[in-house]
Amino acid sequence: GYAPPMEPFRFDAAPRGRSIYSAAASPA
């Protein structure tokens, strides 16, 4: 599915056209 992993949020560099976010936390 599309549930993001339970990892701390951080900013990372990313290739052009891709996300600047490397991970996401759960809505809870």
mmCIF file of all heavy atoms, coordinates in Angstrom:
data_MODEL
# 
_entry.id   MODEL 
# 
loop_
_atom_site.group_PDB 
_atom_site.id 
_atom_site.type_symbol 
_atom_site.label_atom_id 
_atom_site.label_alt_id 
_atom_site.label_comp_id 
_atom_site.label_asym_id 
_atom_site.label_entity_id 
_atom_site.label_seq_id 
_atom_site.pdbx_PDB_ins_code 
_atom_site.Cartn_x 
_atom_site.Cartn_y 
_atom_site.Cartn_z 
_atom_site.occupancy 
_atom_site.B_iso_or_equiv 
_atom_site.pdbx_formal_charge 
_atom_site.auth_seq_id 
_atom_site.auth_comp_id 
_atom_site.auth_asym_id 
_atom_site.auth_atom_id 
_atom_site.pdbx_PDB_model_num 
ATOM 1   N N   . GLY A 1 1  ? 0.820  -1.201 0.000   1.00 0.00 ? 1  GLY A N   1 
ATOM 2   C CA  . GLY A 1 1  ? 0.000  0.000  0.000   1.00 0.00 ? 1  GLY A CA  1 
ATOM 3   C C   . GLY A 1 1  ? 0.847  1.240  0.000   1.00 0.00 ? 1  GLY A C   1 
ATOM 4   O O   . GLY A 1 1  ? 2.038  1.193  -0.266  1.00 0.00 ? 1  GLY A O   1 
ATOM 5   N N   . TYR A 1 2  ? 0.220  2.363  0.349   1.00 0.00 ? 2  TYR A N   1 
ATOM 6   C CA  . TYR A 1 2  ? 0.885  3.647  0.263   1.00 0.00 ? 2  TYR A CA  1 
ATOM 7   C C   . TYR A 1 2  ? 1.147  4.267  1.623   1.00 0.00 ? 2  TYR A C   1 
ATOM 8   O O   . TYR A 1 2  ? 1.432  5.437  1.727   1.00 0.00 ? 2  TYR A O   1 
ATOM 9   C CB  . TYR A 1 2  ? 0.047  4.600  -0.599  1.00 0.00 ? 2  TYR A CB  1 
ATOM 10  C CG  . TYR A 1 2  ? 0.193  4.291  -2.059  1.00 0.00 ? 2  TYR A CG  1 
ATOM 11  C CD1 . TYR A 1 2  ? -0.485 3.224  -2.629  1.00 0.00 ? 2  TYR A CD1 1 
ATOM 12  C CD2 . TYR A 1 2  ? 1.044  5.038  -2.861  1.00 0.00 ? 2  TYR A CD2 1 
ATOM 13  C CE1 . TYR A 1 2  ? -0.332 2.930  -3.971  1.00 0.00 ? 2  TYR A CE1 1 
ATOM 14  C CE2 . TYR A 1 2  ? 1.202  4.749  -4.210  1.00 0.00 ? 2  TYR A CE2 1 
ATOM 15  C CZ  . TYR A 1 2  ? 0.506  3.691  -4.751  1.00 0.00 ? 2  TYR A CZ  1 
ATOM 16  O OH  . TYR A 1 2  ? 0.655  3.408  -6.074  1.00 0.00 ? 2  TYR A OH  1 
ATOM 17  N N   . ALA A 1 3  ? 1.037  3.474  2.663   1.00 0.00 ? 3  ALA A N   1 
ATOM 18  C CA  . ALA A 1 3  ? 1.300  4.024  3.997   1.00 0.00 ? 3  ALA A CA  1 
ATOM 19  C C   . ALA A 1 3  ? 2.770  4.369  4.128   1.00 0.00 ? 3  ALA A C   1 
ATOM 20  O O   . ALA A 1 3  ? 3.627  3.526  3.886   1.00 0.00 ? 3  ALA A O   1 
ATOM 21  C CB  . ALA A 1 3  ? 0.913  3.014  5.069   1.00 0.00 ? 3  ALA A CB  1 
ATOM 22  N N   . PRO A 1 4  ? 3.107  5.602  4.494   1.00 0.00 ? 4  PRO A N   1 
ATOM 23  C CA  . PRO A 1 4  ? 4.507  5.968  4.669   1.00 0.00 ? 4  PRO A CA  1 
ATOM 24  C C   . PRO A 1 4  ? 5.104  5.268  5.882   1.00 0.00 ? 4  PRO A C   1 
ATOM 25  O O   . PRO A 1 4  ? 4.400  4.922  6.812   1.00 0.00 ? 4  PRO A O   1 
ATOM 26  C CB  . PRO A 1 4  ? 4.463  7.485  4.869   1.00 0.00 ? 4  PRO A CB  1 
ATOM 27  C CG  . PRO A 1 4  ? 3.080  7.765  5.311   1.00 0.00 ? 4  PRO A CG  1 
ATOM 28  C CD  . PRO A 1 4  ? 2.201  6.718  4.715   1.00 0.00 ? 4  PRO A CD  1 
ATOM 29  N N   . PRO A 1 5  ? 6.407  5.053  5.903   1.00 0.00 ? 5  PRO A N   1 
ATOM 30  C CA  . PRO A 1 5  ? 7.036  4.315  6.999   1.00 0.00 ? 5  PRO A CA  1 
ATOM 31  C C   . PRO A 1 5  ? 7.064  5.122  8.278   1.00 0.00 ? 5  PRO A C   1 
ATOM 32  O O   . PRO A 1 5  ? 7.021  6.337  8.275   1.00 0.00 ? 5  PRO A O   1 
ATOM 33  C CB  . PRO A 1 5  ? 8.452  4.071  6.477   1.00 0.00 ? 5  PRO A CB  1 
ATOM 34  C CG  . PRO A 1 5  ? 8.690  5.189  5.521   1.00 0.00 ? 5  PRO A CG  1 
ATOM 35  C CD  . PRO A 1 5  ? 7.362  5.471  4.877   1.00 0.00 ? 5  PRO A CD  1 
ATOM 36  N N   . MET A 1 6  ? 7.176  4.409  9.374   1.00 0.00 ? 6  MET A N   1 
ATOM 37  C CA  . MET A 1 6  ? 7.230  5.049  10.688  1.00 0.00 ? 6  MET A CA  1 
ATOM 38  C C   . MET A 1 6  ? 8.668  5.461  10.978  1.00 0.00 ? 6  MET A C   1 
ATOM 39  O O   . MET A 1 6  ? 9.367  4.858  11.781  1.00 0.00 ? 6  MET A O   1 
ATOM 40  C CB  . MET A 1 6  ? 6.714  4.097  11.755  1.00 0.00 ? 6  MET A CB  1 
ATOM 41  C CG  . MET A 1 6  ? 5.270  3.704  11.574  1.00 0.00 ? 6  MET A CG  1 
ATOM 42  S SD  . MET A 1 6  ? 4.152  5.050  11.990  1.00 0.00 ? 6  MET A SD  1 
ATOM 43  C CE  . MET A 1 6  ? 4.343  5.098  13.758  1.00 0.00 ? 6  MET A CE  1 
ATOM 44  N N   . GLU A 1 7  ? 9.151  6.464  10.266  1.00 0.00 ? 7  GLU A N   1 
ATOM 45  C CA  . GLU A 1 7  ? 10.507 6.953  10.462  1.00 0.00 ? 7  GLU A CA  1 
ATOM 46  C C   . GLU A 1 7  ? 10.453 8.439  10.761  1.00 0.00 ? 7  GLU A C   1 
ATOM 47  O O   . GLU A 1 7  ? 9.524  9.130  10.352  1.00 0.00 ? 7  GLU A O   1 
ATOM 48  C CB  . GLU A 1 7  ? 11.354 6.724  9.202   1.00 0.00 ? 7  GLU A CB  1 
ATOM 49  C CG  . GLU A 1 7  ? 11.494 5.262  8.816   1.00 0.00 ? 7  GLU A CG  1 
ATOM 50  C CD  . GLU A 1 7  ? 12.276 5.109  7.521   1.00 0.00 ? 7  GLU A CD  1 
ATOM 51  O OE1 . GLU A 1 7  ? 12.908 6.103  7.112   1.00 0.00 ? 7  GLU A OE1 1 
ATOM 52  O OE2 . GLU A 1 7  ? 12.243 4.029  6.930   1.00 0.00 ? 7  GLU A OE2 1 
ATOM 53  N N   . PRO A 1 8  ? 11.453 8.953  11.463  1.00 0.00 ? 8  PRO A N   1 
ATOM 54  C CA  . PRO A 1 8  ? 11.477 10.399 11.706  1.00 0.00 ? 8  PRO A CA  1 
ATOM 55  C C   . PRO A 1 8  ? 11.552 11.146 10.384  1.00 0.00 ? 8  PRO A C   1 
ATOM 56  O O   . PRO A 1 8  ? 12.188 10.697 9.433   1.00 0.00 ? 8  PRO A O   1 
ATOM 57  C CB  . PRO A 1 8  ? 12.749 10.606 12.540  1.00 0.00 ? 8  PRO A CB  1 
ATOM 58  C CG  . PRO A 1 8  ? 13.076 9.253  13.083  1.00 0.00 ? 8  PRO A CG  1 
ATOM 59  C CD  . PRO A 1 8  ? 12.588 8.263  12.072  1.00 0.00 ? 8  PRO A CD  1 
ATOM 60  N N   . PHE A 1 9  ? 10.902 12.292 10.359  1.00 0.00 ? 9  PHE A N   1 
ATOM 61  C CA  . PHE A 1 9  ? 10.927 13.118 9.156   1.00 0.00 ? 9  PHE A CA  1 
ATOM 62  C C   . PHE A 1 9  ? 12.248 13.863 9.047   1.00 0.00 ? 9  PHE A C   1 
ATOM 63  O O   . PHE A 1 9  ? 12.758 14.381 10.024  1.00 0.00 ? 9  PHE A O   1 
ATOM 64  C CB  . PHE A 1 9  ? 9.781  14.118 9.212   1.00 0.00 ? 9  PHE A CB  1 
ATOM 65  C CG  . PHE A 1 9  ? 9.808  15.109 8.097   1.00 0.00 ? 9  PHE A CG  1 
ATOM 66  C CD1 . PHE A 1 9  ? 9.543  14.708 6.813   1.00 0.00 ? 9  PHE A CD1 1 
ATOM 67  C CD2 . PHE A 1 9  ? 10.116 16.434 8.332   1.00 0.00 ? 9  PHE A CD2 1 
ATOM 68  C CE1 . PHE A 1 9  ? 9.563  15.617 5.777   1.00 0.00 ? 9  PHE A CE1 1 
ATOM 69  C CE2 . PHE A 1 9  ? 10.147 17.340 7.297   1.00 0.00 ? 9  PHE A CE2 1 
ATOM 70  C CZ  . PHE A 1 9  ? 9.869  16.928 6.026   1.00 0.00 ? 9  PHE A CZ  1 
ATOM 71  N N   . ARG A 1 10 ? 12.811 13.903 7.865   1.00 0.00 ? 10 ARG A N   1 
ATOM 72  C CA  . ARG A 1 10 ? 14.035 14.670 7.654   1.00 0.00 ? 10 ARG A CA  1 
ATOM 73  C C   . ARG A 1 10 ? 14.052 15.195 6.222   1.00 0.00 ? 10 ARG A C   1 
ATOM 74  O O   . ARG A 1 10 ? 13.401 14.663 5.337   1.00 0.00 ? 10 ARG A O   1 
ATOM 75  C CB  . ARG A 1 10 ? 15.274 13.812 7.902   1.00 0.00 ? 10 ARG A CB  1 
ATOM 76  C CG  . ARG A 1 10 ? 15.437 12.645 6.936   1.00 0.00 ? 10 ARG A CG  1 
ATOM 77  C CD  . ARG A 1 10 ? 16.662 11.797 7.288   1.00 0.00 ? 10 ARG A CD  1 
ATOM 78  N NE  . ARG A 1 10 ? 16.894 10.765 6.298   1.00 0.00 ? 10 ARG A NE  1 
ATOM 79  C CZ  . ARG A 1 10 ? 16.321 9.581  6.312   1.00 0.00 ? 10 ARG A CZ  1 
ATOM 80  N NH1 . ARG A 1 10 ? 15.450 9.276  7.254   1.00 0.00 ? 10 ARG A NH1 1 
ATOM 81  N NH2 . ARG A 1 10 ? 16.594 8.679  5.390   1.00 0.00 ? 10 ARG A NH2 1 
ATOM 82  N N   . PHE A 1 11 ? 14.803 16.235 6.030   1.00 0.00 ? 11 PHE A N   1 
ATOM 83  C CA  . PHE A 1 11 ? 15.006 16.814 4.713   1.00 0.00 ? 11 PHE A CA  1 
ATOM 84  C C   . PHE A 1 11 ? 16.280 16.237 4.109   1.00 0.00 ? 11 PHE A C   1 
ATOM 85  O O   . PHE A 1 11 ? 17.310 16.161 4.761   1.00 0.00 ? 11 PHE A O   1 
ATOM 86  C CB  . PHE A 1 11 ? 15.174 18.326 4.811   1.00 0.00 ? 11 PHE A CB  1 
ATOM 87  C CG  . PHE A 1 11 ? 13.925 19.046 5.182   1.00 0.00 ? 11 PHE A CG  1 
ATOM 88  C CD1 . PHE A 1 11 ? 13.679 19.386 6.500   1.00 0.00 ? 11 PHE A CD1 1 
ATOM 89  C CD2 . PHE A 1 11 ? 12.999 19.394 4.229   1.00 0.00 ? 11 PHE A CD2 1 
ATOM 90  C CE1 . PHE A 1 11 ? 12.541 20.070 6.853   1.00 0.00 ? 11 PHE A CE1 1 
ATOM 91  C CE2 . PHE A 1 11 ? 11.850 20.084 4.569   1.00 0.00 ? 11 PHE A CE2 1 
ATOM 92  C CZ  . PHE A 1 11 ? 11.626 20.422 5.876   1.00 0.00 ? 11 PHE A CZ  1 
ATOM 93  N N   . ASP A 1 12 ? 16.189 15.843 2.860   1.00 0.00 ? 12 ASP A N   1 
ATOM 94  C CA  . ASP A 1 12 ? 17.366 15.360 2.143   1.00 0.00 ? 12 ASP A CA  1 
ATOM 95  C C   . ASP A 1 12 ? 17.407 15.987 0.764   1.00 0.00 ? 12 ASP A C   1 
ATOM 96  O O   . ASP A 1 12 ? 16.385 16.360 0.199   1.00 0.00 ? 12 ASP A O   1 
ATOM 97  C CB  . ASP A 1 12 ? 17.322 13.835 1.965   1.00 0.00 ? 12 ASP A CB  1 
ATOM 98  C CG  . ASP A 1 12 ? 17.735 13.093 3.241   1.00 0.00 ? 12 ASP A CG  1 
ATOM 99  O OD1 . ASP A 1 12 ? 18.397 13.712 4.085   1.00 0.00 ? 12 ASP A OD1 1 
ATOM 100 O OD2 . ASP A 1 12 ? 17.370 11.916 3.360   1.00 0.00 ? 12 ASP A OD2 1 
ATOM 101 N N   . ALA A 1 13 ? 18.599 16.044 0.200   1.00 0.00 ? 13 ALA A N   1 
ATOM 102 C CA  . ALA A 1 13 ? 18.709 16.413 -1.199  1.00 0.00 ? 13 ALA A CA  1 
ATOM 103 C C   . ALA A 1 13 ? 18.137 15.283 -2.035  1.00 0.00 ? 13 ALA A C   1 
ATOM 104 O O   . ALA A 1 13 ? 18.135 14.132 -1.630  1.00 0.00 ? 13 ALA A O   1 
ATOM 105 C CB  . ALA A 1 13 ? 20.176 16.651 -1.577  1.00 0.00 ? 13 ALA A CB  1 
ATOM 106 N N   . ALA A 1 14 ? 17.646 15.619 -3.201  1.00 0.00 ? 14 ALA A N   1 
ATOM 107 C CA  . ALA A 1 14 ? 17.033 14.601 -4.054  1.00 0.00 ? 14 ALA A CA  1 
ATOM 108 C C   . ALA A 1 14 ? 17.268 14.961 -5.503  1.00 0.00 ? 14 ALA A C   1 
ATOM 109 O O   . ALA A 1 14 ? 17.473 16.118 -5.847  1.00 0.00 ? 14 ALA A O   1 
ATOM 110 C CB  . ALA A 1 14 ? 15.533 14.496 -3.777  1.00 0.00 ? 14 ALA A CB  1 
ATOM 111 N N   . PRO A 1 15 ? 17.246 13.960 -6.396  1.00 0.00 ? 15 PRO A N   1 
ATOM 112 C CA  . PRO A 1 15 ? 17.384 14.256 -7.813  1.00 0.00 ? 15 PRO A CA  1 
ATOM 113 C C   . PRO A 1 15 ? 16.257 15.152 -8.289  1.00 0.00 ? 15 PRO A C   1 
ATOM 114 O O   . PRO A 1 15 ? 15.184 15.174 -7.696  1.00 0.00 ? 15 PRO A O   1 
ATOM 115 C CB  . PRO A 1 15 ? 17.304 12.863 -8.465  1.00 0.00 ? 15 PRO A CB  1 
ATOM 116 C CG  . PRO A 1 15 ? 17.627 11.900 -7.378  1.00 0.00 ? 15 PRO A CG  1 
ATOM 117 C CD  . PRO A 1 15 ? 17.143 12.522 -6.116  1.00 0.00 ? 15 PRO A CD  1 
ATOM 118 N N   . ARG A 1 16 ? 16.505 15.856 -9.383  1.00 0.00 ? 16 ARG A N   1 
ATOM 119 C CA  . ARG A 1 16 ? 15.518 16.788 -9.907  1.00 0.00 ? 16 ARG A CA  1 
ATOM 120 C C   . ARG A 1 16 ? 14.224 16.071 -10.228 1.00 0.00 ? 16 ARG A C   1 
ATOM 121 O O   . ARG A 1 16 ? 14.195 14.997 -10.795 1.00 0.00 ? 16 ARG A O   1 
ATOM 122 C CB  . ARG A 1 16 ? 16.062 17.465 -11.166 1.00 0.00 ? 16 ARG A CB  1 
ATOM 123 C CG  . ARG A 1 16 ? 15.031 18.360 -11.810 1.00 0.00 ? 16 ARG A CG  1 
ATOM 124 C CD  . ARG A 1 16 ? 15.696 19.486 -12.557 1.00 0.00 ? 16 ARG A CD  1 
ATOM 125 N NE  . ARG A 1 16 ? 14.686 20.369 -13.081 1.00 0.00 ? 16 ARG A NE  1 
ATOM 126 C CZ  . ARG A 1 16 ? 14.183 21.372 -12.387 1.00 0.00 ? 16 ARG A CZ  1 
ATOM 127 N NH1 . ARG A 1 16 ? 14.593 21.609 -11.180 1.00 0.00 ? 16 ARG A NH1 1 
ATOM 128 N NH2 . ARG A 1 16 ? 13.274 22.155 -12.918 1.00 0.00 ? 16 ARG A NH2 1 
ATOM 129 N N   . GLY A 1 17 ? 13.084 16.726 -9.839  1.00 0.00 ? 17 GLY A N   1 
ATOM 130 C CA  . GLY A 1 17 ? 11.779 16.171 -10.138 1.00 0.00 ? 17 GLY A CA  1 
ATOM 131 C C   . GLY A 1 17 ? 11.302 15.171 -9.112  1.00 0.00 ? 17 GLY A C   1 
ATOM 132 O O   . GLY A 1 17 ? 10.200 14.661 -9.215  1.00 0.00 ? 17 GLY A O   1 
ATOM 133 N N   . ARG A 1 18 ? 12.146 14.855 -8.109  1.00 0.00 ? 18 ARG A N   1 
ATOM 134 C CA  . ARG A 1 18 ? 11.731 13.913 -7.081  1.00 0.00 ? 18 ARG A CA  1 
ATOM 135 C C   . ARG A 1 18 ? 11.567 14.626 -5.747  1.00 0.00 ? 18 ARG A C   1 
ATOM 136 O O   . ARG A 1 18 ? 11.870 15.795 -5.600  1.00 0.00 ? 18 ARG A O   1 
ATOM 137 C CB  . ARG A 1 18 ? 12.755 12.784 -6.967  1.00 0.00 ? 18 ARG A CB  1 
ATOM 138 C CG  . ARG A 1 18 ? 12.808 11.919 -8.221  1.00 0.00 ? 18 ARG A CG  1 
ATOM 139 C CD  . ARG A 1 18 ? 13.670 10.713 -8.022  1.00 0.00 ? 18 ARG A CD  1 
ATOM 140 N NE  . ARG A 1 18 ? 13.250 9.951  -6.859  1.00 0.00 ? 18 ARG A NE  1 
ATOM 141 C CZ  . ARG A 1 18 ? 13.988 8.962  -6.353  1.00 0.00 ? 18 ARG A CZ  1 
ATOM 142 N NH1 . ARG A 1 18 ? 15.137 8.655  -6.904  1.00 0.00 ? 18 ARG A NH1 1 
ATOM 143 N NH2 . ARG A 1 18 ? 13.565 8.315  -5.295  1.00 0.00 ? 18 ARG A NH2 1 
ATOM 144 N N   . SER A 1 19 ? 11.092 13.884 -4.769  1.00 0.00 ? 19 SER A N   1 
ATOM 145 C CA  . SER A 1 19 ? 10.742 14.467 -3.495  1.00 0.00 ? 19 SER A CA  1 
ATOM 146 C C   . SER A 1 19 ? 11.952 15.030 -2.755  1.00 0.00 ? 19 SER A C   1 
ATOM 147 O O   . SER A 1 19 ? 13.036 14.481 -2.815  1.00 0.00 ? 19 SER A O   1 
ATOM 148 C CB  . SER A 1 19 ? 10.076 13.403 -2.634  1.00 0.00 ? 19 SER A CB  1 
ATOM 149 O OG  . SER A 1 19 ? 9.982  13.834 -1.299  1.00 0.00 ? 19 SER A OG  1 
ATOM 150 N N   . ILE A 1 20 ? 11.731 16.093 -2.002  1.00 0.00 ? 20 ILE A N   1 
ATOM 151 C CA  . ILE A 1 20 ? 12.753 16.601 -1.101  1.00 0.00 ? 20 ILE A CA  1 
ATOM 152 C C   . ILE A 1 20 ? 12.635 15.928 0.254   1.00 0.00 ? 20 ILE A C   1 
ATOM 153 O O   . ILE A 1 20 ? 13.440 16.161 1.135   1.00 0.00 ? 20 ILE A O   1 
ATOM 154 C CB  . ILE A 1 20 ? 12.632 18.121 -0.917  1.00 0.00 ? 20 ILE A CB  1 
ATOM 155 C CG1 . ILE A 1 20 ? 11.283 18.483 -0.280  1.00 0.00 ? 20 ILE A CG1 1 
ATOM 156 C CG2 . ILE A 1 20 ? 12.811 18.838 -2.213  1.00 0.00 ? 20 ILE A CG2 1 
ATOM 157 C CD1 . ILE A 1 20 ? 11.170 19.932 0.089   1.00 0.00 ? 20 ILE A CD1 1 
ATOM 158 N N   . TYR A 1 21 ? 11.599 15.098 0.422   1.00 0.00 ? 21 TYR A N   1 
ATOM 159 C CA  . TYR A 1 21 ? 11.372 14.465 1.706   1.00 0.00 ? 21 TYR A CA  1 
ATOM 160 C C   . TYR A 1 21 ? 11.726 12.992 1.600   1.00 0.00 ? 21 TYR A C   1 
ATOM 161 O O   . TYR A 1 21 ? 11.280 12.285 0.715   1.00 0.00 ? 21 TYR A O   1 
ATOM 162 C CB  . TYR A 1 21 ? 9.912  14.608 2.127   1.00 0.00 ? 21 TYR A CB  1 
ATOM 163 C CG  . TYR A 1 21 ? 9.463  16.033 2.114   1.00 0.00 ? 21 TYR A CG  1 
ATOM 164 C CD1 . TYR A 1 21 ? 8.593  16.494 1.147   1.00 0.00 ? 21 TYR A CD1 1 
ATOM 165 C CD2 . TYR A 1 21 ? 9.951  16.937 3.039   1.00 0.00 ? 21 TYR A CD2 1 
ATOM 166 C CE1 . TYR A 1 21 ? 8.186  17.813 1.129   1.00 0.00 ? 21 TYR A CE1 1 
ATOM 167 C CE2 . TYR A 1 21 ? 9.557  18.253 3.029   1.00 0.00 ? 21 TYR A CE2 1 
ATOM 168 C CZ  . TYR A 1 21 ? 8.669  18.685 2.066   1.00 0.00 ? 21 TYR A CZ  1 
ATOM 169 O OH  . TYR A 1 21 ? 8.288  19.993 2.054   1.00 0.00 ? 21 TYR A OH  1 
ATOM 170 N N   . SER A 1 22 ? 12.503 12.514 2.531   1.00 0.00 ? 22 SER A N   1 
ATOM 171 C CA  . SER A 1 22 ? 12.964 11.134 2.451   1.00 0.00 ? 22 SER A CA  1 
ATOM 172 C C   . SER A 1 22 ? 12.067 10.170 3.175   1.00 0.00 ? 22 SER A C   1 
ATOM 173 O O   . SER A 1 22 ? 12.103 8.979  2.919   1.00 0.00 ? 22 SER A O   1 
ATOM 174 C CB  . SER A 1 22 ? 14.367 11.033 3.048   1.00 0.00 ? 22 SER A CB  1 
ATOM 175 O OG  . SER A 1 22 ? 14.345 11.414 4.418   1.00 0.00 ? 22 SER A OG  1 
ATOM 176 N N   . ALA A 1 23 ? 11.239 10.656 4.094   1.00 0.00 ? 23 ALA A N   1 
ATOM 177 C CA  . ALA A 1 23 ? 10.380 9.753  4.843   1.00 0.00 ? 23 ALA A CA  1 
ATOM 178 C C   . ALA A 1 23 ? 9.247  10.542 5.441   1.00 0.00 ? 23 ALA A C   1 
ATOM 179 O O   . ALA A 1 23 ? 9.278  11.752 5.507   1.00 0.00 ? 23 ALA A O   1 
ATOM 180 C CB  . ALA A 1 23 ? 11.161 9.054  5.951   1.00 0.00 ? 23 ALA A CB  1 
ATOM 181 N N   . ALA A 1 24 ? 8.238  9.812  5.877   1.00 0.00 ? 24 ALA A N   1 
ATOM 182 C CA  . ALA A 1 24 ? 7.102  10.473 6.506   1.00 0.00 ? 24 ALA A CA  1 
ATOM 183 C C   . ALA A 1 24 ? 6.627  9.630  7.665   1.00 0.00 ? 24 ALA A C   1 
ATOM 184 O O   . ALA A 1 24 ? 6.813  8.429  7.692   1.00 0.00 ? 24 ALA A O   1 
ATOM 185 C CB  . ALA A 1 24 ? 5.970  10.661 5.498   1.00 0.00 ? 24 ALA A CB  1 
ATOM 186 N N   . ALA A 1 25 ? 6.000  10.307 8.586   1.00 0.00 ? 25 ALA A N   1 
ATOM 187 C CA  . ALA A 1 25 ? 5.468  9.598  9.735   1.00 0.00 ? 25 ALA A CA  1 
ATOM 188 C C   . ALA A 1 25 ? 3.989  9.346  9.564   1.00 0.00 ? 25 ALA A C   1 
ATOM 189 O O   . ALA A 1 25 ? 3.361  9.867  8.665   1.00 0.00 ? 25 ALA A O   1 
ATOM 190 C CB  . ALA A 1 25 ? 5.717  10.421 10.995  1.00 0.00 ? 25 ALA A CB  1 
ATOM 191 N N   . SER A 1 26 ? 3.435  8.548  10.431  1.00 0.00 ? 26 SER A N   1 
ATOM 192 C CA  . SER A 1 26 ? 2.010  8.234  10.349  1.00 0.00 ? 26 SER A CA  1 
ATOM 193 C C   . SER A 1 26 ? 1.196  9.412  10.832  1.00 0.00 ? 26 SER A C   1 
ATOM 194 O O   . SER A 1 26 ? 1.678  10.265 11.574  1.00 0.00 ? 26 SER A O   1 
ATOM 195 C CB  . SER A 1 26 ? 1.697  7.020  11.227  1.00 0.00 ? 26 SER A CB  1 
ATOM 196 O OG  . SER A 1 26 ? 1.720  7.404  12.582  1.00 0.00 ? 26 SER A OG  1 
ATOM 197 N N   . PRO A 1 27 ? -0.081 9.500  10.426  1.00 0.00 ? 27 PRO A N   1 
ATOM 198 C CA  . PRO A 1 27 ? -0.904 10.633 10.848  1.00 0.00 ? 27 PRO A CA  1 
ATOM 199 C C   . PRO A 1 27 ? -1.135 10.658 12.340  1.00 0.00 ? 27 PRO A C   1 
ATOM 200 O O   . PRO A 1 27 ? -1.483 11.684 12.901  1.00 0.00 ? 27 PRO A O   1 
ATOM 201 C CB  . PRO A 1 27 ? -2.216 10.411 10.088  1.00 0.00 ? 27 PRO A CB  1 
ATOM 202 C CG  . PRO A 1 27 ? -2.225 8.966  9.725   1.00 0.00 ? 27 PRO A CG  1 
ATOM 203 C CD  . PRO A 1 27 ? -0.788 8.591  9.546   1.00 0.00 ? 27 PRO A CD  1 
ATOM 204 N N   . ALA A 1 28 ? -0.944 9.550  12.997  1.00 0.00 ? 28 ALA A N   1 
ATOM 205 C CA  . ALA A 1 28 ? -1.163 9.532  14.439  1.00 0.00 ? 28 ALA A CA  1 
ATOM 206 C C   . ALA A 1 28 ? 0.060  9.999  15.213  1.00 0.00 ? 28 ALA A C   1 
ATOM 207 O O   . ALA A 1 28 ? -0.007 10.208 16.414  1.00 0.00 ? 28 ALA A O   1 
ATOM 208 C CB  . ALA A 1 28 ? -1.527 8.115  14.885  1.00 0.00 ? 28 ALA A CB  1 
# 
